Structure formats: C-alpha cells, structure tokens
Amino acid sequence: MAQKLDNLAELQRYALGVRSRANHHAPNVEDVVDRLLAQVILQHDPGSVECRTYNGNPTNILRFAVRKHAVTLKYNHNTGEIDLREGNERGKVLASFSNGDSRQRIEHEFNNL
C-alpha cells in the first residue's frame, strides 16, 4: 500500500522516520538521506511523492516523478546504499548513494532523469 506525501508535514514525518531507522540500522547512508530528500523536494513533480507502507507505517521506499519520469528511492540491504530505481522498487538501478556522495553528484543524477 502507498501513502501520498502531499505536504511538508507528511514529508517531514517520513524523513524523520527514515533518519531514525538509518541512525540505528544503516550508518552508511544516514548522512546522505538529507541530500537525497532535498533533491526530491526541489525536483519532484507536484502530487507524485508517495511512500510504501507496512501495517500502516511508512517504509524506506519513496516513489516520485521528476519531469514525468517515475522513480523510486529504496534502501538496499545487500549493498548498504540507497538505490535510485527506474519506476518502482523492482526497477533497474539508475544510481546508488551512500554518505560519501556529494550534493553535486546527487543533483547530477536527478538532473539526468
């Protein structure tokens, strides 16, 4: 199931949950989460942002569109990185991010969508 994130309060709730989970379970991405969410906020198509839910709670899967290009951000447990995927969470990996990635690299990947 998916939950629309149509306003800043909903996106903030989602972001705080992702950061909290990253702090405990995914130290390799805890610093890059903010840079990724900034690009989602700056570049998403209005009305396109939604997160997957499990038992009514948000998960670490965020779907959105950039210039009508549907993509998903998903934490990859195997690599310890956050994948930017084509379409949904099972789509082709377009890029992967971890704490070492700069704002410029992330912005470049989003600009290429």
N, C-alpha and C. Protein backbone atom coordinates (compact mmCIF):
# COMPACT_ATOMS: atom_id res chain seq x y z
N MET A 1 0.85 -1.17 0.00
CA MET A 1 0.00 0.00 0.00
C MET A 1 0.89 1.24 0.00
N ALA A 2 0.39 2.34 -0.53
CA ALA A 2 1.16 3.57 -0.61
C ALA A 2 0.41 4.70 0.08
N GLN A 3 1.19 5.64 0.60
CA GLN A 3 0.65 6.82 1.25
C GLN A 3 1.17 8.05 0.53
N LYS A 4 0.26 8.92 0.06
CA LYS A 4 0.66 10.16 -0.58
C LYS A 4 1.32 11.07 0.44
N LEU A 5 2.36 11.76 0.01
CA LEU A 5 3.04 12.75 0.86
C LEU A 5 2.87 14.09 0.16
N ASP A 6 1.71 14.72 0.38
CA ASP A 6 1.35 15.91 -0.37
C ASP A 6 1.73 17.23 0.29
N ASN A 7 2.19 17.18 1.53
CA ASN A 7 2.54 18.45 2.17
C ASN A 7 3.82 18.27 2.99
N LEU A 8 4.38 19.37 3.44
CA LEU A 8 5.65 19.32 4.15
C LEU A 8 5.56 18.56 5.47
N ALA A 9 4.44 18.63 6.15
CA ALA A 9 4.30 17.91 7.43
C ALA A 9 4.38 16.40 7.19
N GLU A 10 3.73 15.91 6.14
CA GLU A 10 3.79 14.48 5.82
C GLU A 10 5.20 14.07 5.41
N LEU A 11 5.85 14.90 4.60
CA LEU A 11 7.20 14.60 4.16
C LEU A 11 8.17 14.65 5.34
N GLN A 12 7.95 15.58 6.25
CA GLN A 12 8.80 15.67 7.45
C GLN A 12 8.66 14.42 8.30
N ARG A 13 7.45 13.95 8.51
CA ARG A 13 7.22 12.73 9.28
C ARG A 13 7.94 11.55 8.65
N TYR A 14 7.83 11.45 7.33
CA TYR A 14 8.53 10.39 6.61
C TYR A 14 10.04 10.51 6.80
N ALA A 15 10.58 11.72 6.58
CA ALA A 15 12.02 11.94 6.67
C ALA A 15 12.56 11.63 8.07
N LEU A 16 11.83 12.03 9.09
CA LEU A 16 12.28 11.74 10.47
C LEU A 16 12.32 10.24 10.73
N GLY A 17 11.36 9.52 10.20
CA GLY A 17 11.34 8.06 10.36
C GLY A 17 12.50 7.40 9.64
N VAL A 18 12.79 7.85 8.42
CA VAL A 18 13.90 7.28 7.66
C VAL A 18 15.22 7.58 8.37
N ARG A 19 15.40 8.81 8.82
CA ARG A 19 16.64 9.16 9.52
C ARG A 19 16.80 8.36 10.80
N SER A 20 15.74 8.17 11.54
CA SER A 20 15.81 7.40 12.78
C SER A 20 16.22 5.96 12.49
N ARG A 21 15.61 5.36 11.47
CA ARG A 21 15.97 3.98 11.13
C ARG A 21 17.40 3.90 10.61
N ALA A 22 17.83 4.89 9.83
CA ALA A 22 19.20 4.89 9.32
C ALA A 22 20.21 5.03 10.45
N ASN A 23 19.92 5.85 11.44
CA ASN A 23 20.83 6.04 12.57
C ASN A 23 21.07 4.73 13.30
N HIS A 24 20.08 3.87 13.37
CA HIS A 24 20.20 2.62 14.11
C HIS A 24 20.68 1.45 13.25
N HIS A 25 20.28 1.41 11.99
CA HIS A 25 20.49 0.21 11.19
C HIS A 25 21.29 0.43 9.90
N ALA A 26 21.52 1.66 9.50
CA ALA A 26 22.17 1.90 8.21
C ALA A 26 23.13 3.09 8.28
N PRO A 27 24.19 2.98 9.06
CA PRO A 27 25.10 4.11 9.23
C PRO A 27 25.78 4.56 7.94
N ASN A 28 25.81 3.70 6.93
CA ASN A 28 26.44 4.04 5.66
C ASN A 28 25.63 5.04 4.83
N VAL A 29 24.36 5.30 5.23
CA VAL A 29 23.53 6.24 4.48
C VAL A 29 22.91 7.33 5.34
N GLU A 30 23.18 7.33 6.63
CA GLU A 30 22.49 8.29 7.49
C GLU A 30 22.78 9.74 7.13
N ASP A 31 23.96 10.04 6.56
CA ASP A 31 24.29 11.42 6.20
C ASP A 31 23.80 11.82 4.81
N VAL A 32 23.56 10.86 3.93
CA VAL A 32 23.14 11.18 2.57
C VAL A 32 21.62 11.34 2.45
N VAL A 33 20.89 10.87 3.42
CA VAL A 33 19.41 10.94 3.38
C VAL A 33 18.94 12.38 3.18
N ASP A 34 19.53 13.33 3.91
CA ASP A 34 19.10 14.72 3.79
C ASP A 34 19.34 15.28 2.39
N ARG A 35 20.48 14.95 1.80
CA ARG A 35 20.80 15.44 0.46
C ARG A 35 19.84 14.84 -0.58
N LEU A 36 19.48 13.57 -0.41
CA LEU A 36 18.53 12.95 -1.33
C LEU A 36 17.14 13.57 -1.20
N LEU A 37 16.70 13.75 0.04
CA LEU A 37 15.37 14.34 0.24
C LEU A 37 15.31 15.77 -0.27
N ALA A 38 16.41 16.51 -0.18
CA ALA A 38 16.44 17.87 -0.72
C ALA A 38 16.20 17.84 -2.22
N GLN A 39 16.80 16.90 -2.93
CA GLN A 39 16.60 16.80 -4.37
C GLN A 39 15.17 16.37 -4.70
N VAL A 40 14.60 15.48 -3.88
CA VAL A 40 13.20 15.10 -4.09
C VAL A 40 12.32 16.34 -3.97
N ILE A 41 12.53 17.13 -2.93
CA ILE A 41 11.72 18.34 -2.72
C ILE A 41 11.90 19.32 -3.88
N LEU A 42 13.13 19.53 -4.30
CA LEU A 42 13.40 20.51 -5.35
C LEU A 42 12.94 20.08 -6.74
N GLN A 43 12.97 18.79 -7.02
CA GLN A 43 12.76 18.36 -8.41
C GLN A 43 11.52 17.52 -8.67
N HIS A 44 10.78 17.12 -7.65
CA HIS A 44 9.63 16.23 -7.88
C HIS A 44 8.50 16.93 -8.63
N ASP A 45 7.74 16.14 -9.37
CA ASP A 45 6.51 16.63 -9.98
C ASP A 45 5.45 16.73 -8.88
N PRO A 46 4.76 17.86 -8.77
CA PRO A 46 3.74 18.02 -7.72
C PRO A 46 2.73 16.87 -7.73
N GLY A 47 2.42 16.38 -6.54
CA GLY A 47 1.44 15.32 -6.38
C GLY A 47 1.96 13.92 -6.63
N SER A 48 3.27 13.79 -6.92
CA SER A 48 3.81 12.48 -7.28
C SER A 48 4.49 11.74 -6.13
N VAL A 49 4.73 12.40 -5.01
CA VAL A 49 5.50 11.78 -3.93
C VAL A 49 4.61 10.89 -3.07
N GLU A 50 5.05 9.64 -2.89
CA GLU A 50 4.35 8.71 -2.02
C GLU A 50 5.35 7.71 -1.44
N CYS A 51 5.01 7.18 -0.29
CA CYS A 51 5.87 6.16 0.31
C CYS A 51 5.07 4.88 0.48
N ARG A 52 5.79 3.77 0.42
CA ARG A 52 5.17 2.48 0.70
C ARG A 52 4.90 2.41 2.20
N THR A 53 3.89 1.66 2.56
CA THR A 53 3.59 1.46 3.98
C THR A 53 3.53 -0.03 4.28
N TYR A 54 3.76 -0.35 5.52
CA TYR A 54 3.65 -1.72 6.01
C TYR A 54 2.93 -1.65 7.34
N ASN A 55 1.79 -2.30 7.44
CA ASN A 55 0.95 -2.23 8.65
C ASN A 55 0.64 -0.79 9.03
N GLY A 56 0.44 0.06 8.01
CA GLY A 56 0.09 1.45 8.25
C GLY A 56 1.25 2.37 8.55
N ASN A 57 2.47 1.85 8.59
CA ASN A 57 3.65 2.66 8.89
C ASN A 57 4.49 2.86 7.63
N PRO A 58 5.08 4.05 7.47
CA PRO A 58 5.92 4.30 6.30
C PRO A 58 7.14 3.38 6.28
N THR A 59 7.55 2.98 5.08
CA THR A 59 8.76 2.17 4.90
C THR A 59 9.86 3.04 4.30
N ASN A 60 10.97 2.43 3.97
CA ASN A 60 12.11 3.15 3.39
C ASN A 60 12.04 3.16 1.86
N ILE A 61 10.85 3.13 1.31
CA ILE A 61 10.65 3.17 -0.14
C ILE A 61 9.86 4.42 -0.48
N LEU A 62 10.47 5.30 -1.26
CA LEU A 62 9.85 6.56 -1.64
C LEU A 62 9.72 6.61 -3.16
N ARG A 63 8.48 6.76 -3.64
CA ARG A 63 8.21 6.86 -5.07
C ARG A 63 7.86 8.30 -5.42
N PHE A 64 8.32 8.74 -6.59
CA PHE A 64 8.02 10.10 -7.05
C PHE A 64 8.35 10.18 -8.53
N ALA A 65 8.05 11.30 -9.12
CA ALA A 65 8.38 11.52 -10.53
C ALA A 65 9.14 12.82 -10.66
N VAL A 66 10.06 12.85 -11.62
CA VAL A 66 10.81 14.05 -11.97
C VAL A 66 10.63 14.23 -13.47
N ARG A 67 9.99 15.34 -13.85
CA ARG A 67 9.69 15.60 -15.26
C ARG A 67 9.00 14.39 -15.91
N LYS A 68 8.00 13.87 -15.20
CA LYS A 68 7.17 12.74 -15.64
C LYS A 68 7.93 11.41 -15.73
N HIS A 69 9.11 11.35 -15.16
CA HIS A 69 9.93 10.13 -15.14
C HIS A 69 9.75 9.50 -13.75
N ALA A 70 9.02 8.41 -13.68
CA ALA A 70 8.74 7.74 -12.40
C ALA A 70 9.99 7.04 -11.89
N VAL A 71 10.33 7.30 -10.63
CA VAL A 71 11.49 6.69 -9.99
C VAL A 71 11.17 6.35 -8.54
N THR A 72 12.06 5.57 -7.93
CA THR A 72 11.91 5.17 -6.54
C THR A 72 13.26 5.23 -5.85
N LEU A 73 13.26 5.72 -4.62
CA LEU A 73 14.42 5.60 -3.75
C LEU A 73 14.14 4.47 -2.78
N LYS A 74 15.12 3.55 -2.67
CA LYS A 74 14.92 2.38 -1.81
C LYS A 74 16.25 2.00 -1.17
N TYR A 75 16.22 1.73 0.13
CA TYR A 75 17.42 1.25 0.80
C TYR A 75 17.70 -0.17 0.36
N ASN A 76 18.95 -0.43 -0.04
CA ASN A 76 19.37 -1.75 -0.49
C ASN A 76 20.12 -2.42 0.66
N HIS A 77 19.51 -3.41 1.28
CA HIS A 77 20.11 -4.09 2.43
C HIS A 77 21.38 -4.86 2.06
N ASN A 78 21.50 -5.28 0.81
CA ASN A 78 22.68 -6.04 0.39
C ASN A 78 23.92 -5.17 0.23
N THR A 79 23.74 -3.95 -0.30
CA THR A 79 24.89 -3.08 -0.54
C THR A 79 25.08 -2.02 0.54
N GLY A 80 24.03 -1.78 1.35
CA GLY A 80 24.11 -0.73 2.36
C GLY A 80 24.01 0.66 1.76
N GLU A 81 23.44 0.77 0.56
CA GLU A 81 23.29 2.05 -0.12
C GLU A 81 21.81 2.31 -0.42
N ILE A 82 21.51 3.53 -0.82
CA ILE A 82 20.17 3.88 -1.26
C ILE A 82 20.18 3.89 -2.78
N ASP A 83 19.32 3.08 -3.38
CA ASP A 83 19.23 2.99 -4.83
C ASP A 83 18.18 3.93 -5.37
N LEU A 84 18.50 4.59 -6.47
CA LEU A 84 17.53 5.32 -7.27
C LEU A 84 17.16 4.38 -8.40
N ARG A 85 15.89 3.97 -8.44
CA ARG A 85 15.47 2.95 -9.39
C ARG A 85 14.46 3.49 -10.39
N GLU A 86 14.50 2.92 -11.56
CA GLU A 86 13.54 3.23 -12.62
C GLU A 86 12.17 2.71 -12.21
N GLY A 87 11.15 3.55 -12.27
CA GLY A 87 9.79 3.10 -11.96
C GLY A 87 9.61 2.78 -10.50
N ASN A 88 9.42 1.50 -10.19
CA ASN A 88 9.14 1.11 -8.80
C ASN A 88 10.36 0.47 -8.14
N GLU A 89 10.16 -0.10 -6.97
CA GLU A 89 11.28 -0.65 -6.19
C GLU A 89 11.94 -1.88 -6.81
N ARG A 90 11.34 -2.44 -7.84
CA ARG A 90 11.94 -3.58 -8.53
C ARG A 90 12.59 -3.16 -9.85
N GLY A 91 12.56 -1.87 -10.15
CA GLY A 91 13.10 -1.37 -11.41
C GLY A 91 14.62 -1.38 -11.46
N LYS A 92 15.13 -1.09 -12.63
CA LYS A 92 16.57 -1.03 -12.88
C LYS A 92 17.21 0.05 -11.99
N VAL A 93 18.37 -0.26 -11.42
CA VAL A 93 19.10 0.71 -10.59
C VAL A 93 19.74 1.74 -11.52
N LEU A 94 19.38 3.00 -11.30
CA LEU A 94 19.94 4.10 -12.08
C LEU A 94 21.18 4.68 -11.42
N ALA A 95 21.19 4.67 -10.08
CA ALA A 95 22.32 5.18 -9.30
C ALA A 95 22.18 4.66 -7.88
N SER A 96 23.29 4.61 -7.17
CA SER A 96 23.29 4.21 -5.76
C SER A 96 24.07 5.25 -4.98
N PHE A 97 23.60 5.52 -3.75
CA PHE A 97 24.17 6.60 -2.94
C PHE A 97 24.52 6.12 -1.54
N SER A 98 25.60 6.69 -1.01
CA SER A 98 25.98 6.46 0.38
C SER A 98 26.53 7.78 0.93
N ASN A 99 26.99 7.77 2.17
CA ASN A 99 27.43 9.00 2.83
C ASN A 99 28.50 9.77 2.07
N GLY A 100 29.32 9.11 1.30
CA GLY A 100 30.41 9.78 0.58
C GLY A 100 29.98 10.56 -0.64
N ASP A 101 28.71 10.47 -1.02
CA ASP A 101 28.26 11.15 -2.23
C ASP A 101 27.93 12.61 -1.96
N SER A 102 28.45 13.47 -2.82
CA SER A 102 28.25 14.91 -2.67
C SER A 102 26.89 15.34 -3.18
N ARG A 103 26.50 16.54 -2.78
CA ARG A 103 25.27 17.14 -3.28
C ARG A 103 25.34 17.28 -4.80
N GLN A 104 26.52 17.62 -5.32
CA GLN A 104 26.67 17.80 -6.76
C GLN A 104 26.43 16.49 -7.51
N ARG A 105 26.94 15.38 -7.00
CA ARG A 105 26.71 14.10 -7.68
C ARG A 105 25.23 13.73 -7.65
N ILE A 106 24.59 13.92 -6.50
CA ILE A 106 23.18 13.58 -6.38
C ILE A 106 22.35 14.47 -7.32
N GLU A 107 22.65 15.75 -7.32
CA GLU A 107 21.94 16.67 -8.20
C GLU A 107 22.15 16.27 -9.67
N HIS A 108 23.35 15.90 -10.02
CA HIS A 108 23.65 15.45 -11.39
C HIS A 108 22.77 14.25 -11.78
N GLU A 109 22.67 13.27 -10.90
CA GLU A 109 21.85 12.07 -11.18
C GLU A 109 20.38 12.44 -11.37
N PHE A 110 19.87 13.33 -10.52
CA PHE A 110 18.47 13.76 -10.64
C PHE A 110 18.26 14.58 -11.92
N ASN A 111 19.24 15.41 -12.26
CA ASN A 111 19.12 16.22 -13.48
C ASN A 111 19.11 15.35 -14.73
N ASN A 112 19.70 14.17 -14.65
CA ASN A 112 19.76 13.27 -15.82
C ASN A 112 18.49 12.43 -15.99
N LEU A 113 17.53 12.56 -15.09
CA LEU A 113 16.30 11.79 -15.24
C LEU A 113 15.46 12.33 -16.39
